[in-house]
Protein backbone atom coordinates (compact mmCIF):
# COMPACT_ATOMS: atom_id res chain seq x y z
CA UNK A 1 47.02 -75.35 -34.86
CA UNK A 2 47.51 -73.21 -31.75
CA UNK A 3 47.31 -70.04 -33.83
CA UNK A 4 44.05 -71.22 -35.46
CA UNK A 5 42.56 -72.01 -32.04
CA UNK A 6 43.58 -68.62 -30.72
CA UNK A 7 41.95 -66.95 -33.70
CA UNK A 8 38.73 -68.88 -33.13
CA UNK A 9 38.71 -67.94 -29.44
CA UNK A 10 39.33 -64.29 -30.32
CA UNK A 11 36.55 -64.36 -32.93
CA UNK A 12 34.08 -65.96 -30.52
CA UNK A 13 35.02 -63.46 -27.80
CA UNK A 14 34.50 -60.58 -30.23
CA UNK A 15 31.12 -61.94 -31.26
CA UNK A 16 30.14 -62.29 -27.58
CA UNK A 17 31.17 -58.70 -26.85
CA UNK A 18 29.25 -57.42 -29.88
CA UNK A 19 26.22 -59.48 -28.83
CA UNK A 20 26.27 -58.07 -25.30
CA UNK A 21 26.62 -54.52 -26.65
CA UNK A 22 23.68 -55.14 -28.99
CA UNK A 23 21.61 -56.53 -26.12
CA UNK A 24 22.30 -53.43 -24.07
CA UNK A 25 21.47 -51.05 -26.91
CA UNK A 26 18.18 -52.90 -27.48
CA UNK A 27 17.45 -53.51 -23.79
CA UNK A 28 13.97 -51.99 -24.05
CA UNK A 29 13.06 -54.81 -26.41
CA UNK A 30 14.98 -57.56 -24.63
CA UNK A 31 13.86 -56.79 -21.07
CA UNK A 32 10.58 -58.75 -21.47
CA UNK A 33 12.52 -61.63 -23.03
CA UNK A 34 15.03 -61.66 -20.15
CA UNK A 35 12.23 -61.59 -17.61
CA UNK A 36 10.56 -64.47 -19.46
CA UNK A 37 13.85 -66.38 -19.46
CA UNK A 38 14.10 -65.87 -15.70
CA UNK A 39 10.53 -67.06 -15.15
CA UNK A 40 11.08 -70.09 -17.39
CA UNK A 41 14.31 -70.87 -15.57
CA UNK A 42 12.53 -70.81 -12.21
CA UNK A 43 9.56 -72.89 -13.41
CA UNK A 44 11.55 -75.42 -15.44
CA UNK A 45 12.28 -77.80 -12.51
CA UNK A 46 8.53 -78.10 -11.89
CA UNK A 47 7.96 -79.03 -15.53
CA UNK A 48 10.87 -81.50 -15.41
CA UNK A 49 9.38 -83.10 -12.30
CA UNK A 50 6.03 -83.52 -14.06
CA UNK A 51 7.82 -85.08 -17.03
CA UNK A 52 9.42 -87.64 -14.73
CA UNK A 53 5.87 -88.51 -13.65
CA UNK A 54 5.15 -89.19 -17.35
CA UNK A 55 3.09 -86.05 -17.88
CA UNK A 56 3.70 -84.51 -21.28
CA UNK A 57 5.72 -81.32 -21.13
CA UNK A 58 3.17 -79.18 -22.95
CA UNK A 59 0.39 -80.44 -20.63
CA UNK A 60 2.52 -79.54 -17.59
CA UNK A 61 3.11 -76.04 -18.95
CA UNK A 62 -0.62 -75.49 -19.54
CA UNK A 63 -1.38 -76.70 -16.00
CA UNK A 64 1.16 -74.24 -14.58
CA UNK A 65 -0.41 -71.45 -16.62
CA UNK A 66 -3.85 -72.37 -15.30
CA UNK A 67 -2.52 -72.35 -11.72
CA UNK A 68 -0.84 -68.97 -12.19
CA UNK A 69 -3.99 -67.63 -13.86
CA UNK A 70 -6.13 -68.84 -10.94
CA UNK A 71 -3.84 -67.21 -8.39
CA UNK A 72 -3.81 -63.99 -10.43
CA UNK A 73 -7.62 -64.07 -10.59
CA UNK A 74 -7.84 -64.41 -6.80
CA UNK A 75 -5.49 -61.45 -6.40
CA UNK A 76 -7.55 -59.36 -8.79
CA UNK A 77 -10.80 -60.22 -7.01
CA UNK A 78 -9.64 -59.86 -3.41
CA UNK A 79 -6.17 -58.40 -2.91
CA UNK A 80 -6.23 -55.53 -5.42
CA UNK A 81 -9.58 -54.06 -4.26
CA UNK A 82 -8.34 -54.26 -0.67
CA UNK A 83 -5.11 -52.56 -1.65
CA UNK A 84 -7.00 -49.81 -3.47
CA UNK A 85 -9.27 -49.26 -0.44
CA UNK A 86 -6.27 -49.05 1.87
CA UNK A 87 -4.51 -46.57 -0.41
CA UNK A 88 -7.61 -44.37 -0.68
CA UNK A 89 -8.11 -44.53 3.09
CA UNK A 90 -4.49 -43.57 3.68
CA UNK A 91 -4.80 -40.63 1.31
CA UNK A 92 -8.01 -39.45 3.03
CA UNK A 93 -6.42 -39.80 6.46
CA UNK A 94 -3.34 -37.86 5.35
CA UNK A 95 -4.96 -34.92 3.58
CA UNK A 96 -8.66 -34.80 4.53
CA UNK A 97 -9.44 -36.17 7.99
CA UNK A 98 -12.90 -36.79 9.44
CA UNK A 99 -15.78 -34.39 8.83
CA UNK A 100 -19.23 -34.21 10.43
CA UNK A 101 -22.47 -32.31 9.90
CA UNK A 102 -22.81 -29.87 12.81
CA UNK A 103 -26.60 -30.03 13.21
CA UNK A 104 -26.73 -28.03 16.46
CA UNK A 105 -24.18 -25.46 15.17
CA UNK A 106 -21.94 -25.55 18.25
CA UNK A 107 -18.74 -26.37 16.27
CA UNK A 108 -18.29 -29.62 18.22
CA UNK A 109 -19.21 -33.17 17.35
CA UNK A 110 -22.00 -34.38 19.67
CA UNK A 111 -22.70 -38.16 19.47
CA UNK A 112 -26.35 -38.87 18.92
CA UNK A 113 -26.96 -35.38 17.58
CA UNK A 114 -24.49 -34.71 14.79
CA UNK A 115 -23.85 -37.12 11.94
CA UNK A 116 -20.59 -37.96 10.21
CA UNK A 117 -19.97 -36.83 6.68
CA UNK A 118 -16.73 -38.82 6.66
CA UNK A 119 -15.46 -41.12 9.43
CA UNK A 120 -12.36 -42.63 7.83
CA UNK A 121 -11.54 -45.33 10.39
CA UNK A 122 -15.08 -45.78 11.71
CA UNK A 123 -14.10 -45.15 15.35
CA UNK A 124 -16.95 -42.69 16.05
CA UNK A 125 -14.49 -39.90 16.88
CA UNK A 126 -13.52 -36.83 14.89
CA UNK A 127 -9.91 -37.47 13.86
CA UNK A 128 -8.07 -34.62 12.13
CA UNK A 129 -5.92 -35.38 9.10
CA UNK A 130 -2.30 -36.39 9.53
CA UNK A 131 -1.24 -33.04 8.07
CA UNK A 132 -3.33 -31.23 10.67
CA UNK A 133 -1.88 -33.37 13.47
CA UNK A 134 1.64 -32.59 12.31
CA UNK A 135 0.77 -28.88 12.17
CA UNK A 136 -0.55 -28.93 15.73
CA UNK A 137 2.49 -30.89 16.91
CA UNK A 138 4.86 -28.37 15.30
CA UNK A 139 2.87 -25.46 16.75
CA UNK A 140 3.12 -27.02 20.21
CA UNK A 141 6.88 -27.40 19.89
CA UNK A 142 7.21 -23.75 18.84
CA UNK A 143 5.01 -22.62 21.71
CA UNK A 144 7.08 -24.53 24.26
CA UNK A 145 10.27 -23.13 22.74
CA UNK A 146 8.95 -19.57 22.96
CA UNK A 147 7.99 -20.05 26.62
CA UNK A 148 11.43 -21.42 27.47
CA UNK A 149 13.36 -18.91 25.32
CA UNK A 150 11.54 -15.55 25.32
CA UNK A 151 14.62 -13.74 24.02
CA UNK A 152 14.76 -15.98 20.90
CA UNK A 153 11.08 -16.19 20.13
CA UNK A 154 9.90 -17.84 16.93
CA UNK A 155 7.16 -15.99 15.08
CA UNK A 156 4.46 -18.68 14.88
CA UNK A 157 2.17 -16.70 12.59
CA UNK A 158 4.89 -16.26 9.97
CA UNK A 159 5.80 -19.97 10.02
CA UNK A 160 2.18 -21.09 9.88
CA UNK A 161 1.47 -18.70 7.02
CA UNK A 162 4.40 -20.16 5.10
CA UNK A 163 3.18 -23.68 5.90
CA UNK A 164 -0.34 -22.82 4.70
CA UNK A 165 1.08 -21.34 1.50
CA UNK A 166 3.19 -24.46 0.93
CA UNK A 167 0.42 -26.97 1.67
CA UNK A 168 -2.36 -25.04 -0.01
CA UNK A 169 -4.16 -23.58 3.02
CA UNK A 170 -7.66 -24.98 3.14
CA UNK A 171 -8.50 -28.72 3.18
CA UNK A 172 -9.91 -28.39 -0.33
CA UNK A 173 -6.67 -26.80 -1.55
CA UNK A 174 -4.63 -29.41 0.32
CA UNK A 175 -6.64 -32.09 -1.47
CA UNK A 176 -5.97 -30.36 -4.79
CA UNK A 177 -2.26 -30.24 -3.99
CA UNK A 178 -2.27 -33.92 -3.07
CA UNK A 179 -4.07 -34.82 -6.28
CA UNK A 180 -1.58 -32.76 -8.26
CA UNK A 181 1.36 -34.54 -6.62
CA UNK A 182 -0.31 -37.91 -7.21
CA UNK A 183 -0.87 -37.01 -10.85
CA UNK A 184 2.76 -36.02 -11.24
CA UNK A 185 3.89 -39.29 -9.66
CA UNK A 186 1.64 -41.29 -11.97
CA UNK A 187 2.88 -39.29 -14.96
CA UNK A 188 6.49 -39.94 -13.96
CA UNK A 189 5.86 -43.66 -13.59
CA UNK A 190 4.01 -43.78 -16.89
CA UNK A 191 6.71 -41.96 -18.82
CA UNK A 192 9.61 -43.73 -17.10
CA UNK A 193 8.54 -47.34 -16.62
CA UNK A 194 5.58 -47.90 -18.89
CA UNK A 195 7.13 -45.76 -21.60
CA UNK A 196 10.29 -47.85 -21.61
CA UNK A 197 8.69 -51.22 -20.98
CA UNK A 198 5.38 -51.12 -22.82
CA UNK A 199 2.27 -52.69 -21.42
CA UNK A 200 2.00 -54.72 -24.62
CA UNK A 201 5.37 -56.36 -23.93
CA UNK A 202 4.40 -57.49 -20.47
CA UNK A 203 0.78 -58.45 -20.92
CA UNK A 204 1.06 -60.26 -24.24
CA UNK A 205 4.68 -61.10 -24.98
CA UNK A 206 5.69 -62.28 -21.50
CA UNK A 207 3.40 -65.36 -21.45
CA UNK A 208 4.29 -66.19 -25.06
CA UNK A 209 8.03 -65.94 -24.48
CA UNK A 210 7.79 -67.96 -21.27
CA UNK A 211 5.75 -70.73 -22.94
CA UNK A 212 8.20 -71.28 -25.80
CA UNK A 213 11.23 -71.02 -23.52
CA UNK A 214 9.78 -73.62 -21.14
CA UNK A 215 8.93 -75.89 -24.03
CA UNK A 216 12.42 -75.63 -25.53
CA UNK A 217 14.50 -75.82 -22.33
CA UNK A 218 15.62 -79.48 -22.79
CA UNK A 219 16.69 -78.81 -26.40
CA UNK A 220 18.57 -75.67 -25.37
CA UNK A 221 20.43 -77.59 -22.67
CA UNK A 222 21.38 -80.40 -25.08
CA UNK A 223 22.64 -77.95 -27.70
CA UNK A 224 24.76 -76.07 -25.19
CA UNK A 225 26.32 -79.32 -23.94
CA UNK A 226 26.91 -80.53 -27.52
CA UNK A 227 28.91 -77.39 -28.39
CA UNK A 228 31.20 -77.43 -25.35
CA UNK A 229 34.90 -78.06 -26.12
CA UNK A 230 35.48 -81.81 -25.75
CA UNK A 231 38.73 -81.48 -23.81
CA UNK A 232 37.19 -79.24 -21.14
CA UNK A 233 33.65 -80.62 -21.18
CA UNK A 234 33.81 -82.39 -17.74
CA UNK A 235 35.22 -79.26 -16.11
CA UNK A 236 32.72 -76.96 -17.81
CA UNK A 237 29.84 -79.30 -16.93
CA UNK A 238 30.88 -79.27 -13.29
CA UNK A 239 31.26 -75.48 -13.19
CA UNK A 240 27.99 -75.06 -15.08
CA UNK A 241 26.25 -77.30 -12.56
CA UNK A 242 27.47 -75.10 -9.71
CA UNK A 243 26.33 -71.96 -11.51
CA UNK A 244 22.92 -73.49 -12.23
CA UNK A 245 22.49 -74.53 -8.59
CA UNK A 246 23.49 -71.10 -7.28
CA UNK A 247 21.31 -69.04 -9.63
CA UNK A 248 18.23 -71.26 -9.47
CA UNK A 249 18.47 -71.56 -5.68
CA UNK A 250 18.68 -67.80 -5.30
CA UNK A 251 15.67 -66.94 -7.44
CA UNK A 252 13.37 -69.70 -6.20
CA UNK A 253 14.47 -69.20 -2.60
CA UNK A 254 14.09 -65.43 -2.71
CA UNK A 255 10.60 -65.76 -4.16
CA UNK A 256 9.55 -68.10 -1.35
CA UNK A 257 11.14 -65.90 1.33
CA UNK A 258 9.54 -62.69 0.01
CA UNK A 259 6.08 -64.29 -0.09
CA UNK A 260 6.42 -65.71 3.43
CA UNK A 261 7.64 -62.39 4.87
CA UNK A 262 4.85 -60.48 3.10
CA UNK A 263 2.15 -62.76 4.52
CA UNK A 264 3.72 -62.65 8.00
CA UNK A 265 3.84 -58.84 7.94
CA UNK A 266 0.24 -58.55 6.76
CA UNK A 267 -1.10 -60.88 9.46
CA UNK A 268 1.05 -59.35 12.22
CA UNK A 269 0.12 -55.73 11.47
CA UNK A 270 -3.54 -56.67 11.12
CA UNK A 271 -3.35 -58.32 14.55
CA UNK A 272 -2.03 -55.10 16.11
CA UNK A 273 -4.58 -52.97 14.19
CA UNK A 274 -1.96 -51.00 12.25
CA UNK A 275 -3.34 -49.05 9.33
CA UNK A 276 -2.94 -50.44 5.75
CA UNK A 277 -1.50 -53.89 6.66
CA UNK A 278 -1.95 -55.19 3.11
CA UNK A 279 0.08 -52.32 1.68
CA UNK A 280 2.87 -52.94 4.20
CA UNK A 281 2.77 -56.66 3.39
CA UNK A 282 3.29 -55.81 -0.28
CA UNK A 283 6.13 -53.44 0.62
CA UNK A 284 7.72 -56.19 2.72
CA UNK A 285 7.45 -58.74 -0.10
CA UNK A 286 9.01 -56.47 -2.73
CA UNK A 287 11.61 -54.66 -0.61
CA UNK A 288 12.91 -57.95 0.81
CA UNK A 289 14.71 -58.53 -2.49
CA UNK A 290 17.36 -56.15 -1.09
CA UNK A 291 18.51 -57.06 2.45
CA UNK A 292 17.37 -54.72 5.24
CA UNK A 293 15.77 -52.22 2.82
CA UNK A 294 12.34 -52.93 4.29
CA UNK A 295 13.48 -51.55 7.67
CA UNK A 296 13.67 -48.14 5.96
CA UNK A 297 10.77 -48.22 3.52
CA UNK A 298 8.47 -50.37 5.68
CA UNK A 299 9.26 -50.13 9.39
CA UNK A 300 9.76 -46.36 9.62
CA UNK A 301 6.46 -45.47 7.84
CA UNK A 302 4.60 -48.10 9.89
CA UNK A 303 5.85 -46.62 13.18
CA UNK A 304 4.99 -43.14 11.90
CA UNK A 305 1.40 -44.19 11.17
CA UNK A 306 1.08 -45.79 14.61
CA UNK A 307 2.25 -42.55 16.26
CA UNK A 308 -0.19 -40.51 14.19
CA UNK A 309 -3.11 -42.85 14.93
CA UNK A 310 -2.48 -43.78 18.58
CA UNK A 311 0.20 -41.42 19.87
CA UNK A 312 2.82 -42.97 22.14
CA UNK A 313 0.88 -46.21 22.69
CA UNK A 314 3.34 -48.99 23.51
CA UNK A 315 1.24 -51.95 22.43
CA UNK A 316 0.84 -51.01 18.75
CA UNK A 317 4.31 -49.44 18.61
CA UNK A 318 6.08 -52.50 20.00
CA UNK A 319 3.77 -54.74 17.99
CA UNK A 320 4.67 -53.06 14.68
CA UNK A 321 8.35 -53.01 15.59
CA UNK A 322 8.23 -56.66 16.61
CA UNK A 323 6.53 -57.76 13.38
CA UNK A 324 9.28 -56.31 11.18
CA UNK A 325 12.14 -57.43 13.44
CA UNK A 326 10.72 -60.97 13.72
CA UNK A 327 10.39 -61.14 9.92
CA UNK A 328 14.04 -60.08 9.50
CA UNK A 329 15.19 -62.53 12.19
CA UNK A 330 13.25 -65.38 10.57
CA UNK A 331 14.80 -64.59 7.21
CA UNK A 332 18.33 -64.38 8.58
CA UNK A 333 18.34 -67.33 10.96
CA UNK A 334 15.73 -69.73 9.56
CA UNK A 335 14.44 -69.03 6.05
CA UNK A 336 17.74 -68.18 4.34
CA UNK A 337 19.67 -71.23 5.65
CA UNK A 338 16.64 -73.49 5.11
CA UNK A 339 15.40 -72.26 1.73
CA UNK A 340 18.53 -70.83 0.09
CA UNK A 341 21.22 -72.87 1.80
CA UNK A 342 24.75 -71.84 0.91
CA UNK A 343 24.54 -72.35 -2.84
CA UNK A 344 24.47 -68.69 -3.83
CA UNK A 345 27.60 -67.74 -1.91
CA UNK A 346 26.64 -64.04 -1.92
CA UNK A 347 27.04 -62.09 1.31
CA UNK A 348 24.16 -59.66 1.99
CA UNK A 349 26.51 -56.66 1.70
CA UNK A 350 27.80 -57.96 -1.64
CA UNK A 351 24.22 -58.53 -2.77
CA UNK A 352 23.25 -54.92 -1.96
CA UNK A 353 26.27 -53.54 -3.81
CA UNK A 354 25.66 -55.79 -6.83
CA UNK A 355 22.00 -54.75 -7.11
CA UNK A 356 22.83 -51.06 -6.74
CA UNK A 357 25.60 -51.26 -9.35
CA UNK A 358 23.39 -53.17 -11.75
CA UNK A 359 20.56 -50.65 -11.40
CA UNK A 360 22.94 -47.71 -11.75
CA UNK A 361 24.71 -49.04 -14.84
CA UNK A 362 21.93 -50.81 -16.74
CA UNK A 363 18.62 -49.96 -15.05
CA UNK A 364 16.07 -52.79 -15.02
CA UNK A 365 18.31 -54.69 -17.45
CA UNK A 366 21.05 -54.58 -14.80
CA UNK A 367 18.70 -55.62 -12.00
CA UNK A 368 17.72 -58.72 -13.96
CA UNK A 369 21.34 -59.68 -14.59
CA UNK A 370 23.08 -58.45 -11.43
CA UNK A 371 22.66 -61.48 -9.15
CA UNK A 372 23.25 -64.16 -11.83
CA UNK A 373 26.38 -62.38 -13.05
CA UNK A 374 27.70 -61.94 -9.51
CA UNK A 375 27.11 -65.61 -8.73
CA UNK A 376 28.79 -66.66 -11.99
CA UNK A 377 31.81 -64.41 -11.37
CA UNK A 378 32.15 -65.74 -7.82
CA UNK A 379 32.03 -69.37 -8.93
CA UNK A 380 34.46 -68.80 -11.81
CA UNK A 381 36.87 -67.08 -9.44
CA UNK A 382 36.55 -69.97 -7.00
CA UNK A 383 37.20 -72.53 -9.74
CA UNK A 384 39.97 -70.85 -11.74
CA UNK A 385 41.49 -67.90 -9.85
CA UNK A 386 41.63 -68.97 -6.21
CA UNK A 387 43.47 -72.27 -6.90
CA UNK A 388 46.22 -70.30 -8.64
CA UNK A 389 46.44 -67.88 -5.73
CA UNK A 390 46.61 -70.79 -3.27
CA UNK A 391 49.46 -72.33 -5.23
CA UNK A 392 51.34 -69.04 -5.15
CA UNK A 393 50.68 -68.67 -1.43
CA UNK A 394 51.97 -72.21 -0.78
CA UNK A 395 55.33 -71.55 -2.45
CA UNK A 396 58.26 -71.23 -0.04
CA UNK A 397 59.78 -67.77 0.35
CA UNK A 398 62.74 -66.96 -1.88
CA UNK A 399 66.11 -67.30 -0.17
């Protein structure tokens, strides 16, 4: 009897290993399904709540789809055009700068006489491009160095010539270089992300997968419970309940936290008149999935834009710094304890390492599975490994 049970366990373990290997080898196909499973898992409590209110499950699912469709429509109508305008404005400010028609041919902009060909920020002043500002700043540093160190003079003409060759020289060539770099970036994204995860999979299959998974969640749960070993069913139900609470709390809580931080960042930066607040709000919302990452990919570029737009102006600088620091403080001291609680049990450092390892080993497939697997491993260790270690630690020392 024991030998037969051992053989069954070994066979089931082998099948599980083969299944996981097959999933990994076909991850390009299964990524949309996994993402749909995650979405269905997050939305399932809402559908369950509607069922308790005696609303049919399929009606609840259609209502959720209508709500998500309405929100998506609002984003398409308002947020995406604003994001496109901000991105275009940022590109123009970086590579082009303001231009005016010099009607009196004195090479200076005279208000009331000359007219703007392009006034990017609408301030009525001729603002050079960010690239030109950086060039002037570098030239000023070199000039001050040469004045202070005449014996170790830096040849400004040689450096500027190399810079012009690198950047393309004229504004038109700089624009061409920028467009070329943008095209390469788009090509890389298209071949890397959209080539691996086709647009068809996400636009068409994702809603279909999610619908059927939401509809079949109760049946899936009943079948899993029915096939648990009878002797260990209470223990496995308890451990499964902990795993469910940890994973569902993490995903729903993180979604709420990311949205709240994104909105806070957008409103705060708009208040302090920082360029592209909507773009930084989006960066905040997405980068907040990994703790403290937004301080690198969001705060540093925001402070750089403030310096390029206003110089050393303390109000916008401290305002931008304060917006990001307040968002991080709210997440750490208020939102995480309030929204997530302590169910996930993942320290921020552990979370960073888990996400990086998942991305390194399995790409997007690993990112989707990293946090659930880490939570499951932590709970299993707490339930089965740590008690054994505590028993060993409680034993008296050998005489």
